[in-house]
Amino acid sequence: MNQSGRKILAINGGPHKSGVTASMLQIAVEECRRKGDEVTEINLYDMNIRYCLGCRCCLETRECVMRDDDIAELTKRVKACDMIILATPVYWANVPAAVKNLFDRLLGVSMEETDKFPKPRLEGKEYLVLCACNTPMPFAAWCGQSTGAKRAIVEYFKTSGMKKRGFIVKANTGVNKAISDRLAAKIRKRV
């Protein structure tokens, strides 16, 4: 994939516009723009996205049939992008409800159901995950906090057929909210 001129969808899955999650995402966004990429920024908490009803009609239509909210616009952006950068906090060893709901509402966009394994519908795209976790390392991993969220996120993107560029965790955010130069460099390198 060409490293410049890409269409990037940067999704803030955290509720705080100036928190650690948003700060990590901003580093990635700035680096993408520096490289000449076209970046669309989305804050899930600013969007009107109803909860999935589990009707599964989207598996046939390839997009959610509930079209009275912002999911249609988000679906269009997911389909058009080359890479998704998802920034999310960890809540109880998982993603926040807004991120989980996004995955639920993108079911038909992301995969086709077969009698064996799901068939991906977003192949050729890449993803990068930036994750903020309150628990310090190595306990964030040992106790399943960051690894629980990672499992849910990677499952969605893997099933969608997207290629992983990285999964970066900033742990111990309850005590240390600062983004170190080392972490910032790691984020820049992955975009």
N, C-alpha and C. Protein backbone atom coordinates (compact mmCIF):
# COMPACT_ATOMS: atom_id res chain seq x y z
N MET A 1 0.85 -1.18 0.00
CA MET A 1 0.00 0.00 0.00
C MET A 1 0.89 1.24 0.00
N ASN A 2 0.56 2.20 -0.81
CA ASN A 2 1.27 3.46 -0.85
C ASN A 2 1.21 4.12 0.52
N GLN A 3 2.34 4.58 1.01
CA GLN A 3 2.40 5.15 2.36
C GLN A 3 1.97 6.60 2.43
N SER A 4 1.63 7.22 1.31
CA SER A 4 1.10 8.58 1.39
C SER A 4 -0.10 8.67 0.47
N GLY A 5 -0.96 9.61 0.77
CA GLY A 5 -2.17 9.75 -0.02
C GLY A 5 -3.25 8.76 0.33
N ARG A 6 -3.08 8.10 1.45
CA ARG A 6 -4.09 7.14 1.90
C ARG A 6 -5.29 7.88 2.50
N LYS A 7 -6.41 7.19 2.54
CA LYS A 7 -7.60 7.69 3.23
C LYS A 7 -7.64 7.01 4.59
N ILE A 8 -7.53 7.81 5.63
CA ILE A 8 -7.46 7.31 6.99
C ILE A 8 -8.75 7.68 7.73
N LEU A 9 -9.35 6.72 8.40
CA LEU A 9 -10.49 6.96 9.27
C LEU A 9 -9.99 6.84 10.71
N ALA A 10 -9.92 7.97 11.42
CA ALA A 10 -9.42 8.01 12.80
C ALA A 10 -10.62 8.09 13.73
N ILE A 11 -10.82 7.04 14.52
CA ILE A 11 -11.99 6.94 15.39
C ILE A 11 -11.58 7.05 16.85
N ASN A 12 -12.12 8.05 17.53
CA ASN A 12 -11.93 8.17 18.97
C ASN A 12 -13.08 7.43 19.64
N GLY A 13 -12.77 6.31 20.27
CA GLY A 13 -13.77 5.51 20.95
C GLY A 13 -13.86 5.81 22.43
N GLY A 14 -13.25 6.89 22.86
CA GLY A 14 -13.31 7.29 24.26
C GLY A 14 -14.16 8.54 24.44
N PRO A 15 -14.72 8.73 25.63
CA PRO A 15 -15.62 9.85 25.86
C PRO A 15 -14.93 11.19 26.12
N HIS A 16 -13.63 11.17 26.36
CA HIS A 16 -12.92 12.40 26.72
C HIS A 16 -12.14 12.94 25.52
N LYS A 17 -12.49 14.13 25.09
CA LYS A 17 -11.88 14.72 23.90
C LYS A 17 -10.45 15.18 24.13
N SER A 18 -10.04 15.27 25.38
CA SER A 18 -8.66 15.67 25.66
C SER A 18 -7.97 14.66 26.59
N GLY A 19 -8.49 13.45 26.64
CA GLY A 19 -7.91 12.42 27.49
C GLY A 19 -6.74 11.71 26.82
N VAL A 20 -6.25 10.68 27.46
CA VAL A 20 -5.11 9.92 26.96
C VAL A 20 -5.43 9.28 25.61
N THR A 21 -6.60 8.70 25.49
CA THR A 21 -7.00 8.05 24.24
C THR A 21 -6.98 9.07 23.09
N ALA A 22 -7.59 10.22 23.31
CA ALA A 22 -7.64 11.27 22.28
C ALA A 22 -6.24 11.79 21.98
N SER A 23 -5.39 11.91 22.98
CA SER A 23 -4.02 12.39 22.77
C SER A 23 -3.22 11.42 21.90
N MET A 24 -3.38 10.14 22.16
CA MET A 24 -2.69 9.13 21.34
C MET A 24 -3.17 9.21 19.89
N LEU A 25 -4.48 9.35 19.72
CA LEU A 25 -5.04 9.43 18.38
C LEU A 25 -4.54 10.67 17.65
N GLN A 26 -4.43 11.79 18.37
CA GLN A 26 -3.98 13.04 17.74
C GLN A 26 -2.55 12.91 17.22
N ILE A 27 -1.70 12.19 17.92
CA ILE A 27 -0.33 11.95 17.45
C ILE A 27 -0.37 11.21 16.12
N ALA A 28 -1.20 10.18 16.04
CA ALA A 28 -1.32 9.39 14.81
C ALA A 28 -1.89 10.24 13.68
N VAL A 29 -2.90 11.04 13.97
CA VAL A 29 -3.54 11.89 12.96
C VAL A 29 -2.53 12.90 12.41
N GLU A 30 -1.79 13.53 13.29
CA GLU A 30 -0.79 14.52 12.85
C GLU A 30 0.27 13.86 11.96
N GLU A 31 0.70 12.67 12.32
CA GLU A 31 1.71 11.97 11.50
C GLU A 31 1.15 11.58 10.14
N CYS A 32 -0.07 11.12 10.12
CA CYS A 32 -0.71 10.78 8.84
C CYS A 32 -0.81 12.00 7.94
N ARG A 33 -1.23 13.11 8.50
CA ARG A 33 -1.34 14.34 7.71
C ARG A 33 0.03 14.81 7.24
N ARG A 34 1.05 14.66 8.08
CA ARG A 34 2.41 15.03 7.70
C ARG A 34 2.86 14.21 6.49
N LYS A 35 2.41 12.96 6.42
CA LYS A 35 2.76 12.08 5.30
C LYS A 35 1.93 12.34 4.06
N GLY A 36 0.94 13.21 4.16
CA GLY A 36 0.11 13.53 3.00
C GLY A 36 -1.17 12.73 2.90
N ASP A 37 -1.54 12.06 3.98
CA ASP A 37 -2.78 11.28 3.99
C ASP A 37 -3.99 12.18 4.22
N GLU A 38 -5.12 11.75 3.70
CA GLU A 38 -6.40 12.42 3.95
C GLU A 38 -7.02 11.75 5.17
N VAL A 39 -7.24 12.53 6.22
CA VAL A 39 -7.71 11.96 7.49
C VAL A 39 -9.10 12.50 7.82
N THR A 40 -10.00 11.56 8.13
CA THR A 40 -11.32 11.91 8.64
C THR A 40 -11.35 11.49 10.10
N GLU A 41 -11.64 12.45 10.98
CA GLU A 41 -11.70 12.16 12.41
C GLU A 41 -13.15 12.02 12.85
N ILE A 42 -13.40 10.99 13.65
CA ILE A 42 -14.75 10.71 14.16
C ILE A 42 -14.64 10.48 15.66
N ASN A 43 -15.53 11.09 16.41
CA ASN A 43 -15.64 10.81 17.83
C ASN A 43 -16.96 10.07 18.03
N LEU A 44 -16.88 8.82 18.43
CA LEU A 44 -18.10 8.01 18.57
C LEU A 44 -19.10 8.62 19.55
N TYR A 45 -18.60 9.32 20.56
CA TYR A 45 -19.50 9.88 21.56
C TYR A 45 -20.23 11.13 21.05
N ASP A 46 -19.81 11.67 19.91
CA ASP A 46 -20.52 12.79 19.30
C ASP A 46 -21.55 12.32 18.27
N MET A 47 -21.53 11.05 17.98
CA MET A 47 -22.42 10.52 16.94
C MET A 47 -23.69 9.93 17.54
N ASN A 48 -24.72 9.92 16.74
CA ASN A 48 -25.98 9.30 17.11
C ASN A 48 -26.00 7.90 16.47
N ILE A 49 -25.58 6.91 17.24
CA ILE A 49 -25.56 5.53 16.74
C ILE A 49 -26.37 4.67 17.70
N ARG A 50 -27.55 4.29 17.25
CA ARG A 50 -28.44 3.46 18.07
C ARG A 50 -27.81 2.08 18.29
N TYR A 51 -28.30 1.41 19.31
CA TYR A 51 -27.81 0.06 19.58
C TYR A 51 -28.31 -0.93 18.55
N CYS A 52 -27.49 -1.90 18.25
CA CYS A 52 -27.83 -2.98 17.33
C CYS A 52 -29.02 -3.76 17.91
N LEU A 53 -29.95 -4.12 17.03
CA LEU A 53 -31.13 -4.89 17.45
C LEU A 53 -30.98 -6.38 17.19
N GLY A 54 -29.86 -6.76 16.59
CA GLY A 54 -29.62 -8.18 16.34
C GLY A 54 -30.52 -8.79 15.28
N CYS A 55 -31.05 -7.99 14.38
CA CYS A 55 -31.95 -8.53 13.35
C CYS A 55 -31.18 -9.30 12.26
N ARG A 56 -29.91 -9.00 12.11
CA ARG A 56 -29.00 -9.67 11.17
C ARG A 56 -29.37 -9.47 9.70
N CYS A 57 -30.27 -8.54 9.41
CA CYS A 57 -30.62 -8.22 8.02
C CYS A 57 -29.39 -7.70 7.27
N CYS A 58 -28.48 -7.08 7.98
CA CYS A 58 -27.29 -6.49 7.37
C CYS A 58 -26.40 -7.53 6.69
N LEU A 59 -26.52 -8.77 7.10
CA LEU A 59 -25.71 -9.81 6.46
C LEU A 59 -26.10 -9.98 4.99
N GLU A 60 -27.36 -9.70 4.67
CA GLU A 60 -27.83 -9.75 3.28
C GLU A 60 -27.65 -8.41 2.57
N THR A 61 -27.97 -7.31 3.27
CA THR A 61 -27.94 -5.99 2.65
C THR A 61 -26.53 -5.38 2.61
N ARG A 62 -25.62 -5.93 3.38
CA ARG A 62 -24.22 -5.47 3.49
C ARG A 62 -24.07 -4.15 4.23
N GLU A 63 -25.14 -3.68 4.84
CA GLU A 63 -25.08 -2.52 5.72
C GLU A 63 -26.32 -2.54 6.60
N CYS A 64 -26.25 -1.81 7.70
CA CYS A 64 -27.34 -1.81 8.66
C CYS A 64 -28.61 -1.24 8.03
N VAL A 65 -29.74 -1.88 8.29
CA VAL A 65 -31.01 -1.42 7.75
C VAL A 65 -31.64 -0.32 8.59
N MET A 66 -31.16 -0.12 9.81
CA MET A 66 -31.63 1.01 10.63
C MET A 66 -30.87 2.25 10.14
N ARG A 67 -31.52 3.09 9.38
CA ARG A 67 -30.83 4.20 8.73
C ARG A 67 -31.25 5.56 9.27
N ASP A 68 -31.83 5.56 10.47
CA ASP A 68 -32.29 6.83 11.03
C ASP A 68 -31.30 7.40 12.05
N ASP A 69 -30.04 7.04 11.89
CA ASP A 69 -28.99 7.58 12.75
C ASP A 69 -27.73 7.80 11.90
N ASP A 70 -26.58 7.91 12.52
CA ASP A 70 -25.34 8.24 11.81
C ASP A 70 -24.58 7.04 11.26
N ILE A 71 -25.14 5.85 11.35
CA ILE A 71 -24.40 4.66 10.90
C ILE A 71 -24.17 4.66 9.39
N ALA A 72 -25.07 5.20 8.61
CA ALA A 72 -24.90 5.21 7.15
C ALA A 72 -23.67 6.01 6.76
N GLU A 73 -23.48 7.16 7.38
CA GLU A 73 -22.30 8.00 7.10
C GLU A 73 -21.02 7.28 7.52
N LEU A 74 -21.06 6.66 8.69
CA LEU A 74 -19.89 5.93 9.17
C LEU A 74 -19.59 4.72 8.29
N THR A 75 -20.61 4.03 7.84
CA THR A 75 -20.44 2.89 6.92
C THR A 75 -19.75 3.34 5.64
N LYS A 76 -20.19 4.45 5.09
CA LYS A 76 -19.59 5.00 3.88
C LYS A 76 -18.10 5.27 4.09
N ARG A 77 -17.75 5.82 5.23
CA ARG A 77 -16.35 6.15 5.53
C ARG A 77 -15.51 4.90 5.74
N VAL A 78 -16.08 3.88 6.39
CA VAL A 78 -15.36 2.62 6.58
C VAL A 78 -15.06 1.98 5.23
N LYS A 79 -16.05 1.95 4.35
CA LYS A 79 -15.86 1.34 3.04
C LYS A 79 -14.83 2.10 2.19
N ALA A 80 -14.77 3.43 2.34
CA ALA A 80 -13.90 4.26 1.50
C ALA A 80 -12.46 4.37 2.00
N CYS A 81 -12.21 4.05 3.26
CA CYS A 81 -10.88 4.27 3.81
C CYS A 81 -9.91 3.15 3.45
N ASP A 82 -8.63 3.49 3.56
CA ASP A 82 -7.55 2.51 3.39
C ASP A 82 -7.13 1.94 4.74
N MET A 83 -7.27 2.75 5.79
CA MET A 83 -6.86 2.33 7.12
C MET A 83 -7.75 2.96 8.18
N ILE A 84 -8.07 2.17 9.20
CA ILE A 84 -8.78 2.66 10.38
C ILE A 84 -7.78 2.73 11.53
N ILE A 85 -7.76 3.88 12.18
CA ILE A 85 -7.02 4.00 13.43
C ILE A 85 -8.08 4.12 14.51
N LEU A 86 -8.14 3.14 15.38
CA LEU A 86 -9.12 3.12 16.46
C LEU A 86 -8.40 3.39 17.77
N ALA A 87 -8.80 4.46 18.45
CA ALA A 87 -8.27 4.76 19.78
C ALA A 87 -9.37 4.49 20.79
N THR A 88 -9.06 3.68 21.78
CA THR A 88 -10.09 3.28 22.74
C THR A 88 -9.50 3.09 24.13
N PRO A 89 -10.25 3.46 25.15
CA PRO A 89 -9.86 3.09 26.50
C PRO A 89 -10.27 1.65 26.78
N VAL A 90 -9.79 1.14 27.89
CA VAL A 90 -10.19 -0.19 28.36
C VAL A 90 -11.17 0.01 29.51
N TYR A 91 -12.34 -0.60 29.40
CA TYR A 91 -13.33 -0.58 30.46
C TYR A 91 -13.61 -2.03 30.87
N TRP A 92 -13.26 -2.37 32.09
CA TRP A 92 -13.50 -3.72 32.60
C TRP A 92 -13.02 -4.80 31.64
N ALA A 93 -11.78 -4.68 31.22
CA ALA A 93 -11.12 -5.67 30.35
C ALA A 93 -11.79 -5.80 28.99
N ASN A 94 -12.42 -4.73 28.54
CA ASN A 94 -13.06 -4.76 27.23
C ASN A 94 -13.12 -3.33 26.68
N VAL A 95 -13.75 -3.19 25.54
CA VAL A 95 -13.93 -1.87 24.93
C VAL A 95 -15.15 -1.20 25.53
N PRO A 96 -15.25 0.13 25.46
CA PRO A 96 -16.46 0.81 25.92
C PRO A 96 -17.66 0.42 25.06
N ALA A 97 -18.84 0.63 25.58
CA ALA A 97 -20.07 0.26 24.86
C ALA A 97 -20.16 0.90 23.48
N ALA A 98 -19.67 2.14 23.34
CA ALA A 98 -19.75 2.82 22.04
C ALA A 98 -18.94 2.08 20.97
N VAL A 99 -17.78 1.55 21.35
CA VAL A 99 -16.94 0.81 20.40
C VAL A 99 -17.56 -0.55 20.10
N LYS A 100 -18.03 -1.23 21.11
CA LYS A 100 -18.68 -2.54 20.90
C LYS A 100 -19.90 -2.38 20.01
N ASN A 101 -20.69 -1.34 20.24
CA ASN A 101 -21.86 -1.10 19.42
C ASN A 101 -21.48 -0.81 17.97
N LEU A 102 -20.39 -0.08 17.78
CA LEU A 102 -19.90 0.17 16.43
C LEU A 102 -19.62 -1.15 15.72
N PHE A 103 -18.91 -2.04 16.38
CA PHE A 103 -18.63 -3.35 15.79
C PHE A 103 -19.93 -4.09 15.47
N ASP A 104 -20.88 -4.06 16.38
CA ASP A 104 -22.17 -4.73 16.16
C ASP A 104 -22.90 -4.16 14.95
N ARG A 105 -22.93 -2.84 14.85
CA ARG A 105 -23.67 -2.19 13.76
C ARG A 105 -22.95 -2.36 12.41
N LEU A 106 -21.68 -2.68 12.41
CA LEU A 106 -20.93 -2.88 11.16
C LEU A 106 -20.84 -4.36 10.77
N LEU A 107 -21.63 -5.20 11.37
CA LEU A 107 -21.58 -6.64 11.10
C LEU A 107 -21.65 -6.95 9.62
N GLY A 108 -22.69 -6.52 8.95
CA GLY A 108 -22.88 -6.84 7.53
C GLY A 108 -21.88 -6.15 6.61
N VAL A 109 -21.36 -5.02 7.03
CA VAL A 109 -20.32 -4.31 6.27
C VAL A 109 -19.02 -5.12 6.33
N SER A 110 -18.79 -5.75 7.46
CA SER A 110 -17.50 -6.37 7.76
C SER A 110 -17.36 -7.82 7.34
N MET A 111 -18.45 -8.56 7.33
CA MET A 111 -18.35 -9.99 7.05
C MET A 111 -19.60 -10.55 6.40
N GLU A 112 -19.41 -11.68 5.74
CA GLU A 112 -20.52 -12.44 5.17
C GLU A 112 -20.58 -13.76 5.93
N GLU A 113 -21.75 -14.15 6.32
CA GLU A 113 -21.92 -15.40 7.05
C GLU A 113 -21.97 -16.56 6.07
N THR A 114 -21.24 -17.61 6.36
CA THR A 114 -21.26 -18.82 5.55
C THR A 114 -21.59 -20.00 6.45
N ASP A 115 -21.65 -21.19 5.89
CA ASP A 115 -21.94 -22.36 6.73
C ASP A 115 -20.70 -22.86 7.47
N LYS A 116 -19.54 -22.23 7.20
CA LYS A 116 -18.31 -22.61 7.91
C LYS A 116 -17.75 -21.40 8.66
N PHE A 117 -16.85 -20.69 8.03
CA PHE A 117 -16.23 -19.53 8.65
C PHE A 117 -16.73 -18.25 7.99
N PRO A 118 -16.79 -17.16 8.74
CA PRO A 118 -17.21 -15.89 8.12
C PRO A 118 -16.28 -15.50 6.98
N LYS A 119 -16.85 -14.90 5.95
CA LYS A 119 -16.07 -14.42 4.82
C LYS A 119 -15.88 -12.92 4.98
N PRO A 120 -14.62 -12.45 5.02
CA PRO A 120 -14.37 -11.01 5.24
C PRO A 120 -14.81 -10.15 4.07
N ARG A 121 -15.26 -8.94 4.39
CA ARG A 121 -15.70 -7.99 3.36
C ARG A 121 -14.85 -6.71 3.32
N LEU A 122 -13.85 -6.61 4.19
CA LEU A 122 -13.03 -5.39 4.22
C LEU A 122 -11.55 -5.69 3.93
N GLU A 123 -11.31 -6.72 3.17
CA GLU A 123 -9.93 -7.07 2.82
C GLU A 123 -9.27 -5.93 2.06
N GLY A 124 -7.95 -5.82 2.22
CA GLY A 124 -7.18 -4.78 1.55
C GLY A 124 -7.03 -3.53 2.41
N LYS A 125 -7.72 -3.48 3.53
CA LYS A 125 -7.60 -2.34 4.45
C LYS A 125 -6.69 -2.73 5.61
N GLU A 126 -6.20 -1.73 6.30
CA GLU A 126 -5.36 -1.95 7.47
C GLU A 126 -5.99 -1.30 8.69
N TYR A 127 -5.48 -1.70 9.87
CA TYR A 127 -5.94 -1.06 11.09
C TYR A 127 -4.79 -0.92 12.08
N LEU A 128 -4.92 0.11 12.89
CA LEU A 128 -4.00 0.37 14.00
C LEU A 128 -4.87 0.67 15.21
N VAL A 129 -4.55 0.06 16.34
CA VAL A 129 -5.31 0.29 17.57
C VAL A 129 -4.41 0.99 18.59
N LEU A 130 -4.94 2.03 19.18
CA LEU A 130 -4.28 2.77 20.26
C LEU A 130 -5.16 2.62 21.48
N CYS A 131 -4.62 2.03 22.52
CA CYS A 131 -5.43 1.63 23.67
C CYS A 131 -4.89 2.25 24.96
N ALA A 132 -5.75 2.86 25.75
CA ALA A 132 -5.38 3.43 27.04
C ALA A 132 -5.98 2.58 28.15
N CYS A 133 -5.13 2.16 29.07
CA CYS A 133 -5.55 1.25 30.15
C CYS A 133 -5.13 1.82 31.50
N ASN A 134 -6.04 1.86 32.44
CA ASN A 134 -5.77 2.38 33.77
C ASN A 134 -4.81 1.48 34.56
N THR A 135 -4.87 0.18 34.34
CA THR A 135 -4.06 -0.77 35.09
C THR A 135 -2.60 -0.69 34.65
N PRO A 136 -1.65 -0.69 35.60
CA PRO A 136 -0.24 -0.65 35.22
C PRO A 136 0.23 -1.97 34.63
N MET A 137 1.26 -1.90 33.80
CA MET A 137 1.89 -3.11 33.26
C MET A 137 2.83 -3.65 34.33
N PRO A 138 3.05 -4.91 34.44
CA PRO A 138 2.55 -5.98 33.58
C PRO A 138 1.16 -6.49 33.99
N PHE A 139 0.60 -5.88 35.04
CA PHE A 139 -0.70 -6.35 35.54
C PHE A 139 -1.82 -6.17 34.53
N ALA A 140 -1.72 -5.13 33.68
CA ALA A 140 -2.74 -4.92 32.65
C ALA A 140 -2.85 -6.14 31.76
N ALA A 141 -1.72 -6.77 31.46
CA ALA A 141 -1.71 -7.99 30.63
C ALA A 141 -1.99 -9.22 31.48
N TRP A 142 -1.32 -9.35 32.61
CA TRP A 142 -1.48 -10.54 33.45
C TRP A 142 -2.92 -10.72 33.92
N CYS A 143 -3.56 -9.63 34.29
CA CYS A 143 -4.93 -9.71 34.82
C CYS A 143 -5.99 -9.63 33.73
N GLY A 144 -5.55 -9.55 32.49
CA GLY A 144 -6.50 -9.59 31.38
C GLY A 144 -7.16 -8.28 31.03
N GLN A 145 -6.71 -7.17 31.62
CA GLN A 145 -7.34 -5.88 31.32
C GLN A 145 -7.12 -5.49 29.87
N SER A 146 -5.89 -5.20 29.49
CA SER A 146 -5.63 -4.79 28.10
C SER A 146 -5.77 -5.97 27.14
N THR A 147 -5.46 -7.17 27.59
CA THR A 147 -5.57 -8.33 26.70
C THR A 147 -7.03 -8.69 26.43
N GLY A 148 -7.92 -8.42 27.36
CA GLY A 148 -9.35 -8.67 27.13
C GLY A 148 -9.89 -7.75 26.04
N ALA A 149 -9.53 -6.48 26.12
CA ALA A 149 -9.94 -5.53 25.08
C ALA A 149 -9.31 -5.90 23.75
N LYS A 150 -8.05 -6.27 23.80
CA LYS A 150 -7.33 -6.64 22.57
C LYS A 150 -8.03 -7.81 21.86
N ARG A 151 -8.44 -8.81 22.62
CA ARG A 151 -9.13 -9.97 22.03
C ARG A 151 -10.38 -9.55 21.25
N ALA A 152 -11.19 -8.68 21.86
CA ALA A 152 -12.43 -8.24 21.22
C ALA A 152 -12.14 -7.42 19.97
N ILE A 153 -11.18 -6.53 20.05
CA ILE A 153 -10.85 -5.66 18.92
C ILE A 153 -10.25 -6.46 17.77
N VAL A 154 -9.27 -7.27 18.07
CA VAL A 154 -8.60 -8.05 17.02
C VAL A 154 -9.57 -9.02 16.37
N GLU A 155 -10.49 -9.58 17.12
CA GLU A 155 -11.49 -10.48 16.54
C GLU A 155 -12.33 -9.77 15.49
N TYR A 156 -12.76 -8.55 15.80
CA TYR A 156 -13.55 -7.79 14.82
C TYR A 156 -12.73 -7.54 13.54
N PHE A 157 -11.55 -6.98 13.69
CA PHE A 157 -10.75 -6.63 12.52
C PHE A 157 -10.28 -7.85 11.73
N LYS A 158 -9.92 -8.91 12.44
CA LYS A 158 -9.49 -10.14 11.76
C LYS A 158 -10.64 -10.74 10.96
N THR A 159 -11.81 -10.81 11.54
CA THR A 159 -12.98 -11.34 10.85
C THR A 159 -13.34 -10.47 9.65
N SER A 160 -13.09 -9.18 9.74
CA SER A 160 -13.34 -8.25 8.64
C SER A 160 -12.34 -8.40 7.50
N GLY A 161 -11.22 -9.05 7.78
CA GLY A 161 -10.20 -9.25 6.75
C GLY A 161 -9.15 -8.17 6.70
N MET A 162 -9.12 -7.30 7.70
CA MET A 162 -8.17 -6.20 7.70
C MET A 162 -6.82 -6.64 8.28
N LYS A 163 -5.77 -6.02 7.79
CA LYS A 163 -4.40 -6.35 8.20
C LYS A 163 -3.96 -5.42 9.34
N LYS A 164 -3.39 -6.01 10.38
CA LYS A 164 -2.97 -5.24 11.55
C LYS A 164 -1.65 -4.52 11.31
N ARG A 165 -1.63 -3.21 11.60
CA ARG A 165 -0.39 -2.43 11.58
C ARG A 165 0.20 -2.34 12.97
N GLY A 166 -0.62 -2.53 13.98
CA GLY A 166 -0.11 -2.49 15.35
C GLY A 166 -1.22 -2.38 16.37
N PHE A 167 -0.85 -2.70 17.59
CA PHE A 167 -1.76 -2.58 18.74
C PHE A 167 -0.91 -2.00 19.87
N ILE A 168 -1.09 -0.74 20.16
CA ILE A 168 -0.24 -0.03 21.11
C ILE A 168 -1.04 0.28 22.37
N VAL A 169 -0.50 -0.12 23.51
CA VAL A 169 -1.17 0.08 24.79
C VAL A 169 -0.40 1.08 25.64
N LYS A 170 -1.09 2.07 26.16
CA LYS A 170 -0.56 3.00 27.16
C LYS A 170 -1.21 2.60 28.46
N ALA A 171 -0.42 1.97 29.34
CA ALA A 171 -0.94 1.46 30.61
C ALA A 171 -0.73 2.49 31.72
N ASN A 172 -1.35 2.22 32.86
CA ASN A 172 -1.18 3.01 34.08
C ASN A 172 -1.67 4.45 33.93
N THR A 173 -2.72 4.65 33.15
CA THR A 173 -3.20 6.01 32.88
C THR A 173 -3.87 6.66 34.09
N GLY A 174 -4.21 5.88 35.09
CA GLY A 174 -4.79 6.45 36.30
C GLY A 174 -3.77 7.28 37.06
N VAL A 175 -2.51 6.93 36.91
CA VAL A 175 -1.43 7.63 37.60
C VAL A 175 -0.63 8.52 36.65
N ASN A 176 -0.40 8.04 35.43
CA ASN A 176 0.45 8.74 34.48
C ASN A 176 -0.28 8.93 33.16
N LYS A 177 -0.75 10.13 32.92
CA LYS A 177 -1.50 10.43 31.70
C LYS A 177 -0.60 10.96 30.58
N ALA A 178 0.65 11.25 30.89
CA ALA A 178 1.56 11.83 29.90
C ALA A 178 1.93 10.81 28.83
N ILE A 179 1.98 11.29 27.58
CA ILE A 179 2.43 10.46 26.47
C ILE A 179 3.94 10.66 26.34
N SER A 180 4.69 9.64 26.61
CA SER A 180 6.16 9.76 26.55
C SER A 180 6.62 9.93 25.11
N ASP A 181 7.82 10.45 24.94
CA ASP A 181 8.41 10.59 23.61
C ASP A 181 8.54 9.22 22.95
N ARG A 182 8.87 8.23 23.76
CA ARG A 182 9.02 6.86 23.23
C ARG A 182 7.71 6.31 22.69
N LEU A 183 6.63 6.53 23.45
CA LEU A 183 5.31 6.06 23.00
C LEU A 183 4.87 6.83 21.75
N ALA A 184 5.09 8.13 21.74
CA ALA A 184 4.72 8.94 20.57
C ALA A 184 5.48 8.46 19.34
N ALA A 185 6.76 8.15 19.49
CA ALA A 185 7.56 7.65 18.37
C ALA A 185 7.03 6.32 17.87
N LYS A 186 6.62 5.48 18.80
CA LYS A 186 6.06 4.17 18.44
C LYS A 186 4.76 4.32 17.62
N ILE A 187 3.93 5.27 18.05
CA ILE A 187 2.68 5.54 17.31
C ILE A 187 2.99 6.04 15.92
N ARG A 188 3.91 7.01 15.83
CA ARG A 188 4.27 7.58 14.51
C ARG A 188 4.83 6.51 13.58
N LYS A 189 5.60 5.61 14.12
CA LYS A 189 6.21 4.56 13.31
C LYS A 189 5.16 3.61 12.72
N ARG A 190 4.08 3.37 13.45
CA ARG A 190 3.06 2.42 13.02
C ARG A 190 2.09 2.95 11.98
N VAL A 191 1.96 4.28 11.89
CA VAL A 191 1.03 4.81 10.92
C VAL A 191 1.68 4.84 9.54
